[in-house]
Amino acid sequence: MSPNRPIGIDAAYCTGQLQDVIADPKAFSEELGLSLSAVYNYLNGRIPTLDVMFRIAQFCDRPIESFLVRQPRDGGTG
């Protein structure tokens, strides 16, 4: 990827990453203080707002970018 090329958010990738970390939507919603319907919306393709995504990333101890942007594989160009 060119260093000057803007990076877009990959909604399908974000949804997949959230599905990987949310094993129990009810417990997850309670732990983060989110409504259960919001969590189901995220699991079905809605991208959380920045403040919610930040809380999710901190809770999972992952950088926020790891949920939003598919990372290039080692040795590859993307």
PDB file of N, CA and C in Angstrom:
ATOM      1  N   MET A   1       0.835  -1.170   0.000  1.00  0.00           N
ATOM      2  CA  MET A   1       0.000   0.000   0.000  1.00  0.00           C
ATOM      3  C   MET A   1       0.881   1.233   0.000  1.00  0.00           C
ATOM      4  N   SER A   2       0.549   2.183  -0.807  1.00  0.00           N
ATOM      5  CA  SER A   2       1.295   3.427  -0.882  1.00  0.00           C
ATOM      6  C   SER A   2       1.127   4.216   0.409  1.00  0.00           C
ATOM      7  N   PRO A   3       2.215   4.822   0.928  1.00  0.00           N
ATOM      8  CA  PRO A   3       2.098   5.577   2.172  1.00  0.00           C
ATOM      9  C   PRO A   3       1.197   6.803   2.063  1.00  0.00           C
ATOM     10  N   ASN A   4       0.947   7.282   0.846  1.00  0.00           N
ATOM     11  CA  ASN A   4       0.099   8.462   0.653  1.00  0.00           C
ATOM     12  C   ASN A   4      -1.350   8.108   0.354  1.00  0.00           C
ATOM     13  N   ARG A   5      -1.633   6.844   0.182  1.00  0.00           N
ATOM     14  CA  ARG A   5      -2.986   6.408  -0.148  1.00  0.00           C
ATOM     15  C   ARG A   5      -3.839   6.376   1.120  1.00  0.00           C
ATOM     16  N   PRO A   6      -5.022   6.999   1.114  1.00  0.00           N
ATOM     17  CA  PRO A   6      -5.868   6.959   2.304  1.00  0.00           C
ATOM     18  C   PRO A   6      -6.314   5.536   2.621  1.00  0.00           C
ATOM     19  N   ILE A   7      -6.435   5.258   3.885  1.00  0.00           N
ATOM     20  CA  ILE A   7      -6.869   3.936   4.338  1.00  0.00           C
ATOM     21  C   ILE A   7      -8.356   4.003   4.624  1.00  0.00           C
ATOM     22  N   GLY A   8      -9.109   3.087   4.053  1.00  0.00           N
ATOM     23  CA  GLY A   8     -10.546   3.051   4.288  1.00  0.00           C
ATOM     24  C   GLY A   8     -10.897   2.009   5.332  1.00  0.00           C
ATOM     25  N   ILE A   9     -11.997   2.235   5.999  1.00  0.00           N
ATOM     26  CA  ILE A   9     -12.494   1.268   6.971  1.00  0.00           C
ATOM     27  C   ILE A   9     -13.187   0.154   6.213  1.00  0.00           C
ATOM     28  N   ASP A  10     -12.857  -1.065   6.548  1.00  0.00           N
ATOM     29  CA  ASP A  10     -13.433  -2.249   5.926  1.00  0.00           C
ATOM     30  C   ASP A  10     -14.569  -2.737   6.834  1.00  0.00           C
ATOM     31  N   ALA A  11     -15.814  -2.387   6.490  1.00  0.00           N
ATOM     32  CA  ALA A  11     -16.962  -2.709   7.340  1.00  0.00           C
ATOM     33  C   ALA A  11     -17.123  -4.209   7.556  1.00  0.00           C
ATOM     34  N   ALA A  12     -16.941  -4.999   6.520  1.00  0.00           N
ATOM     35  CA  ALA A  12     -17.078  -6.454   6.662  1.00  0.00           C
ATOM     36  C   ALA A  12     -15.994  -7.013   7.582  1.00  0.00           C
ATOM     37  N   TYR A  13     -14.790  -6.484   7.453  1.00  0.00           N
ATOM     38  CA  TYR A  13     -13.685  -6.922   8.313  1.00  0.00           C
ATOM     39  C   TYR A  13     -13.969  -6.535   9.763  1.00  0.00           C
ATOM     40  N   CYS A  14     -14.459  -5.320   9.979  1.00  0.00           N
ATOM     41  CA  CYS A  14     -14.792  -4.855  11.323  1.00  0.00           C
ATOM     42  C   CYS A  14     -15.839  -5.770  11.953  1.00  0.00           C
ATOM     43  N   THR A  15     -16.869  -6.092  11.203  1.00  0.00           N
ATOM     44  CA  THR A  15     -17.911  -6.985  11.704  1.00  0.00           C
ATOM     45  C   THR A  15     -17.326  -8.339  12.079  1.00  0.00           C
ATOM     46  N   GLY A  16     -16.458  -8.878  11.242  1.00  0.00           N
ATOM     47  CA  GLY A  16     -15.825 -10.162  11.531  1.00  0.00           C
ATOM     48  C   GLY A  16     -14.972 -10.120  12.788  1.00  0.00           C
ATOM     49  N   GLN A  17     -14.236  -9.033  12.961  1.00  0.00           N
ATOM     50  CA  GLN A  17     -13.402  -8.895  14.158  1.00  0.00           C
ATOM     51  C   GLN A  17     -14.261  -8.814  15.412  1.00  0.00           C
ATOM     52  N   LEU A  18     -15.356  -8.083  15.329  1.00  0.00           N
ATOM     53  CA  LEU A  18     -16.262  -7.987  16.478  1.00  0.00           C
ATOM     54  C   LEU A  18     -16.902  -9.338  16.778  1.00  0.00           C
ATOM     55  N   GLN A  19     -17.272 -10.063  15.742  1.00  0.00           N
ATOM     56  CA  GLN A  19     -17.843 -11.399  15.946  1.00  0.00           C
ATOM     57  C   GLN A  19     -16.839 -12.326  16.612  1.00  0.00           C
ATOM     58  N   ASP A  20     -15.560 -12.138  16.315  1.00  0.00           N
ATOM     59  CA  ASP A  20     -14.517 -12.967  16.925  1.00  0.00           C
ATOM     60  C   ASP A  20     -14.358 -12.703  18.419  1.00  0.00           C
ATOM     61  N   VAL A  21     -14.564 -11.470  18.856  1.00  0.00           N
ATOM     62  CA  VAL A  21     -14.332 -11.131  20.267  1.00  0.00           C
ATOM     63  C   VAL A  21     -15.593 -11.130  21.120  1.00  0.00           C
ATOM     64  N   ILE A  22     -16.763 -11.148  20.495  1.00  0.00           N
ATOM     65  CA  ILE A  22     -18.014 -11.118  21.263  1.00  0.00           C
ATOM     66  C   ILE A  22     -18.643 -12.508  21.249  1.00  0.00           C
ATOM     67  N   ALA A  23     -18.263 -13.302  22.239  1.00  0.00           N
ATOM     68  CA  ALA A  23     -18.798 -14.654  22.336  1.00  0.00           C
ATOM     69  C   ALA A  23     -20.202 -14.647  22.951  1.00  0.00           C
ATOM     70  N   ASP A  24     -20.421 -13.755  23.907  1.00  0.00           N
ATOM     71  CA  ASP A  24     -21.698 -13.662  24.611  1.00  0.00           C
ATOM     72  C   ASP A  24     -22.177 -12.208  24.553  1.00  0.00           C
ATOM     73  N   PRO A  25     -23.043 -11.895  23.589  1.00  0.00           N
ATOM     74  CA  PRO A  25     -23.467 -10.506  23.410  1.00  0.00           C
ATOM     75  C   PRO A  25     -24.062  -9.870  24.675  1.00  0.00           C
ATOM     76  N   LYS A  26     -24.835 -10.624  25.432  1.00  0.00           N
ATOM     77  CA  LYS A  26     -25.454 -10.059  26.637  1.00  0.00           C
ATOM     78  C   LYS A  26     -24.388  -9.673  27.662  1.00  0.00           C
ATOM     79  N   ALA A  27     -23.465 -10.577  27.941  1.00  0.00           N
ATOM     80  CA  ALA A  27     -22.399 -10.291  28.900  1.00  0.00           C
ATOM     81  C   ALA A  27     -21.524  -9.139  28.404  1.00  0.00           C
ATOM     82  N   PHE A  28     -21.234  -9.138  27.115  1.00  0.00           N
ATOM     83  CA  PHE A  28     -20.404  -8.086  26.522  1.00  0.00           C
ATOM     84  C   PHE A  28     -21.093  -6.732  26.672  1.00  0.00           C
ATOM     85  N   SER A  29     -22.376  -6.680  26.384  1.00  0.00           N
ATOM     86  CA  SER A  29     -23.109  -5.414  26.485  1.00  0.00           C
ATOM     87  C   SER A  29     -23.127  -4.916  27.926  1.00  0.00           C
ATOM     88  N   GLU A  30     -23.313  -5.814  28.874  1.00  0.00           N
ATOM     89  CA  GLU A  30     -23.332  -5.419  30.282  1.00  0.00           C
ATOM     90  C   GLU A  30     -21.958  -4.945  30.738  1.00  0.00           C
ATOM     91  N   GLU A  31     -20.907  -5.643  30.323  1.00  0.00           N
ATOM     92  CA  GLU A  31     -19.544  -5.297  30.731  1.00  0.00           C
ATOM     93  C   GLU A  31     -19.139  -3.911  30.231  1.00  0.00           C
ATOM     94  N   LEU A  32     -19.571  -3.576  29.015  1.00  0.00           N
ATOM     95  CA  LEU A  32     -19.187  -2.293  28.422  1.00  0.00           C
ATOM     96  C   LEU A  32     -20.240  -1.206  28.573  1.00  0.00           C
ATOM     97  N   GLY A  33     -21.371  -1.536  29.191  1.00  0.00           N
ATOM     98  CA  GLY A  33     -22.417  -0.535  29.375  1.00  0.00           C
ATOM     99  C   GLY A  33     -23.114  -0.151  28.084  1.00  0.00           C
ATOM    100  N   LEU A  34     -23.253  -1.114  27.179  1.00  0.00           N
ATOM    101  CA  LEU A  34     -23.927  -0.894  25.900  1.00  0.00           C
ATOM    102  C   LEU A  34     -25.276  -1.595  25.923  1.00  0.00           C
ATOM    103  N   SER A  35     -26.190  -1.130  25.108  1.00  0.00           N
ATOM    104  CA  SER A  35     -27.455  -1.853  25.007  1.00  0.00           C
ATOM    105  C   SER A  35     -27.223  -3.143  24.211  1.00  0.00           C
ATOM    106  N   LEU A  36     -28.011  -4.138  24.522  1.00  0.00           N
ATOM    107  CA  LEU A  36     -27.897  -5.407  23.808  1.00  0.00           C
ATOM    108  C   LEU A  36     -28.234  -5.212  22.332  1.00  0.00           C
ATOM    109  N   SER A  37     -29.197  -4.359  22.041  1.00  0.00           N
ATOM    110  CA  SER A  37     -29.544  -4.124  20.623  1.00  0.00           C
ATOM    111  C   SER A  37     -28.385  -3.470  19.880  1.00  0.00           C
ATOM    112  N   ALA A  38     -27.632  -2.586  20.543  1.00  0.00           N
ATOM    113  CA  ALA A  38     -26.467  -1.971  19.891  1.00  0.00           C
ATOM    114  C   ALA A  38     -25.427  -3.036  19.564  1.00  0.00           C
ATOM    115  N   VAL A  39     -25.180  -3.939  20.499  1.00  0.00           N
ATOM    116  CA  VAL A  39     -24.190  -4.999  20.260  1.00  0.00           C
ATOM    117  C   VAL A  39     -24.634  -5.860  19.085  1.00  0.00           C
ATOM    118  N   TYR A  40     -25.912  -6.215  19.021  1.00  0.00           N
ATOM    119  CA  TYR A  40     -26.393  -7.003  17.882  1.00  0.00           C
ATOM    120  C   TYR A  40     -26.275  -6.214  16.571  1.00  0.00           C
ATOM    121  N   ASN A  41     -26.490  -4.906  16.631  1.00  0.00           N
ATOM    122  CA  ASN A  41     -26.281  -4.091  15.427  1.00  0.00           C
ATOM    123  C   ASN A  41     -24.833  -4.178  14.962  1.00  0.00           C
ATOM    124  N   TYR A  42     -23.887  -4.124  15.894  1.00  0.00           N
ATOM    125  CA  TYR A  42     -22.464  -4.222  15.542  1.00  0.00           C
ATOM    126  C   TYR A  42     -22.149  -5.599  14.964  1.00  0.00           C
ATOM    127  N   LEU A  43     -22.760  -6.628  15.507  1.00  0.00           N
ATOM    128  CA  LEU A  43     -22.526  -7.984  15.006  1.00  0.00           C
ATOM    129  C   LEU A  43     -23.144  -8.208  13.627  1.00  0.00           C
ATOM    130  N   ASN A  44     -24.075  -7.330  13.265  1.00  0.00           N
ATOM    131  CA  ASN A  44     -24.745  -7.447  11.972  1.00  0.00           C
ATOM    132  C   ASN A  44     -24.304  -6.408  10.956  1.00  0.00           C
ATOM    133  N   GLY A  45     -23.177  -5.740  11.218  1.00  0.00           N
ATOM    134  CA  GLY A  45     -22.608  -4.886  10.187  1.00  0.00           C
ATOM    135  C   GLY A  45     -22.503  -3.407  10.477  1.00  0.00           C
ATOM    136  N   ARG A  46     -23.131  -2.925  11.527  1.00  0.00           N
ATOM    137  CA  ARG A  46     -22.995  -1.498  11.840  1.00  0.00           C
ATOM    138  C   ARG A  46     -21.647  -1.265  12.519  1.00  0.00           C
ATOM    139  N   ILE A  47     -20.945  -0.245  12.091  1.00  0.00           N
ATOM    140  CA  ILE A  47     -19.656   0.084  12.700  1.00  0.00           C
ATOM    141  C   ILE A  47     -19.928   0.968  13.920  1.00  0.00           C
ATOM    142  N   PRO A  48     -19.394   0.585  15.074  1.00  0.00           N
ATOM    143  CA  PRO A  48     -19.610   1.398  16.280  1.00  0.00           C
ATOM    144  C   PRO A  48     -19.043   2.808  16.113  1.00  0.00           C
ATOM    145  N   THR A  49     -19.612   3.745  16.865  1.00  0.00           N
ATOM    146  CA  THR A  49     -19.068   5.101  16.881  1.00  0.00           C
ATOM    147  C   THR A  49     -17.657   5.046  17.457  1.00  0.00           C
ATOM    148  N   LEU A  50     -16.916   6.107  17.247  1.00  0.00           N
ATOM    149  CA  LEU A  50     -15.522   6.143  17.689  1.00  0.00           C
ATOM    150  C   LEU A  50     -15.390   5.896  19.188  1.00  0.00           C
ATOM    151  N   ASP A  51     -16.220   6.529  19.998  1.00  0.00           N
ATOM    152  CA  ASP A  51     -16.098   6.336  21.450  1.00  0.00           C
ATOM    153  C   ASP A  51     -16.394   4.906  21.861  1.00  0.00           C
ATOM    154  N   VAL A  52     -17.361   4.274  21.226  1.00  0.00           N
ATOM    155  CA  VAL A  52     -17.670   2.877  21.538  1.00  0.00           C
ATOM    156  C   VAL A  52     -16.550   1.970  21.027  1.00  0.00           C
ATOM    157  N   MET A  53     -16.066   2.232  19.825  1.00  0.00           N
ATOM    158  CA  MET A  53     -14.981   1.413  19.281  1.00  0.00           C
ATOM    159  C   MET A  53     -13.744   1.514  20.158  1.00  0.00           C
ATOM    160  N   PHE A  54     -13.477   2.697  20.694  1.00  0.00           N
ATOM    161  CA  PHE A  54     -12.348   2.893  21.593  1.00  0.00           C
ATOM    162  C   PHE A  54     -12.517   2.050  22.856  1.00  0.00           C
ATOM    163  N   ARG A  55     -13.715   2.041  23.424  1.00  0.00           N
ATOM    164  CA  ARG A  55     -13.976   1.225  24.627  1.00  0.00           C
ATOM    165  C   ARG A  55     -13.826  -0.262  24.330  1.00  0.00           C
ATOM    166  N   ILE A  56     -14.313  -0.697  23.178  1.00  0.00           N
ATOM    167  CA  ILE A  56     -14.181  -2.105  22.794  1.00  0.00           C
ATOM    168  C   ILE A  56     -12.713  -2.477  22.654  1.00  0.00           C
ATOM    169  N   ALA A  57     -11.959  -1.635  21.966  1.00  0.00           N
ATOM    170  CA  ALA A  57     -10.531  -1.913  21.760  1.00  0.00           C
ATOM    171  C   ALA A  57      -9.794  -1.976  23.087  1.00  0.00           C
ATOM    172  N   GLN A  58     -10.074  -1.049  23.990  1.00  0.00           N
ATOM    173  CA  GLN A  58      -9.418  -1.076  25.301  1.00  0.00           C
ATOM    174  C   GLN A  58      -9.812  -2.319  26.073  1.00  0.00           C
ATOM    175  N   PHE A  59     -11.080  -2.681  26.044  1.00  0.00           N
ATOM    176  CA  PHE A  59     -11.565  -3.866  26.743  1.00  0.00           C
ATOM    177  C   PHE A  59     -10.869  -5.126  26.228  1.00  0.00           C
ATOM    178  N   CYS A  60     -10.636  -5.174  24.915  1.00  0.00           N
ATOM    179  CA  CYS A  60     -10.004  -6.348  24.297  1.00  0.00           C
ATOM    180  C   CYS A  60      -8.481  -6.257  24.287  1.00  0.00           C
ATOM    181  N   ASP A  61      -7.947  -5.146  24.775  1.00  0.00           N
ATOM    182  CA  ASP A  61      -6.498  -4.917  24.803  1.00  0.00           C
ATOM    183  C   ASP A  61      -5.890  -5.047  23.410  1.00  0.00           C
ATOM    184  N   ARG A  62      -6.550  -4.386  22.460  1.00  0.00           N
ATOM    185  CA  ARG A  62      -6.095  -4.376  21.066  1.00  0.00           C
ATOM    186  C   ARG A  62      -6.119  -2.952  20.555  1.00  0.00           C
ATOM    187  N   PRO A  63      -5.253  -2.631  19.595  1.00  0.00           N
ATOM    188  CA  PRO A  63      -5.337  -1.298  18.982  1.00  0.00           C
ATOM    189  C   PRO A  63      -6.645  -1.175  18.202  1.00  0.00           C
ATOM    190  N   ILE A  64      -7.207  -0.005  18.216  1.00  0.00           N
ATOM    191  CA  ILE A  64      -8.482   0.231  17.539  1.00  0.00           C
ATOM    192  C   ILE A  64      -8.387  -0.109  16.044  1.00  0.00           C
ATOM    193  N   GLU A  65      -7.219   0.143  15.443  1.00  0.00           N
ATOM    194  CA  GLU A  65      -7.048  -0.135  14.013  1.00  0.00           C
ATOM    195  C   GLU A  65      -7.226  -1.614  13.688  1.00  0.00           C
ATOM    196  N   SER A  66      -6.932  -2.483  14.652  1.00  0.00           N
ATOM    197  CA  SER A  66      -7.028  -3.922  14.392  1.00  0.00           C
ATOM    198  C   SER A  66      -8.462  -4.365  14.144  1.00  0.00           C
ATOM    199  N   PHE A  67      -9.427  -3.545  14.534  1.00  0.00           N
ATOM    200  CA  PHE A  67     -10.834  -3.858  14.269  1.00  0.00           C
ATOM    201  C   PHE A  67     -11.332  -3.245  12.964  1.00  0.00           C
ATOM    202  N   LEU A  68     -10.645  -2.236  12.480  1.00  0.00           N
ATOM    203  CA  LEU A  68     -11.174  -1.441  11.379  1.00  0.00           C
ATOM    204  C   LEU A  68     -10.490  -1.639  10.036  1.00  0.00           C
ATOM    205  N   VAL A  69      -9.205  -1.964  10.072  1.00  0.00           N
ATOM    206  CA  VAL A  69      -8.422  -2.014   8.841  1.00  0.00           C
ATOM    207  C   VAL A  69      -7.702  -3.353   8.751  1.00  0.00           C
ATOM    208  N   ARG A  70      -7.934  -4.031   7.665  1.00  0.00           N
ATOM    209  CA  ARG A  70      -7.238  -5.299   7.418  1.00  0.00           C
ATOM    210  C   ARG A  70      -5.748  -5.012   7.264  1.00  0.00           C
ATOM    211  N   GLN A  71      -4.939  -5.706   8.053  1.00  0.00           N
ATOM    212  CA  GLN A  71      -3.497  -5.480   8.036  1.00  0.00           C
ATOM    213  C   GLN A  71      -2.857  -6.311   6.927  1.00  0.00           C
ATOM    214  N   PRO A  72      -1.858  -5.742   6.216  1.00  0.00           N
ATOM    215  CA  PRO A  72      -1.166  -6.523   5.180  1.00  0.00           C
ATOM    216  C   PRO A  72      -0.421  -7.682   5.816  1.00  0.00           C
ATOM    217  N   ARG A  73      -0.346  -8.760   5.093  1.00  0.00           N
ATOM    218  CA  ARG A  73       0.396  -9.931   5.579  1.00  0.00           C
ATOM    219  C   ARG A  73       1.885  -9.682   5.456  1.00  0.00           C
ATOM    220  N   ASP A  74       2.659 -10.306   6.340  1.00  0.00           N
ATOM    221  CA  ASP A  74       4.125 -10.169   6.296  1.00  0.00           C
ATOM    222  C   ASP A  74       4.631 -10.594   4.928  1.00  0.00           C
ATOM    223  N   GLY A  75       5.512  -9.777   4.376  1.00  0.00           N
ATOM    224  CA  GLY A  75       6.129 -10.090   3.111  1.00  0.00           C
ATOM    225  C   GLY A  75       5.264  -9.765   1.903  1.00  0.00           C
ATOM    226  N   GLY A  76       4.023  -9.325   2.156  1.00  0.00           N
ATOM    227  CA  GLY A  76       3.138  -9.026   1.044  1.00  0.00           C
ATOM    228  C   GLY A  76       2.888  -7.542   0.928  1.00  0.00           C
ATOM    229  N   THR A  77       2.127  -7.181  -0.066  1.00  0.00           N
ATOM    230  CA  THR A  77       1.805  -5.779  -0.272  1.00  0.00           C
ATOM    231  C   THR A  77       0.365  -5.489   0.112  1.00  0.00           C
ATOM    232  N   GLY A  78      -0.327  -6.446   0.646  1.00  0.00           N
ATOM    233  CA  GLY A  78      -1.698  -6.175   1.063  1.00  0.00           C
ATOM    234  C   GLY A  78      -2.569  -7.260   0.666  1.00  0.00           C
TER     235      GLY A  78
END
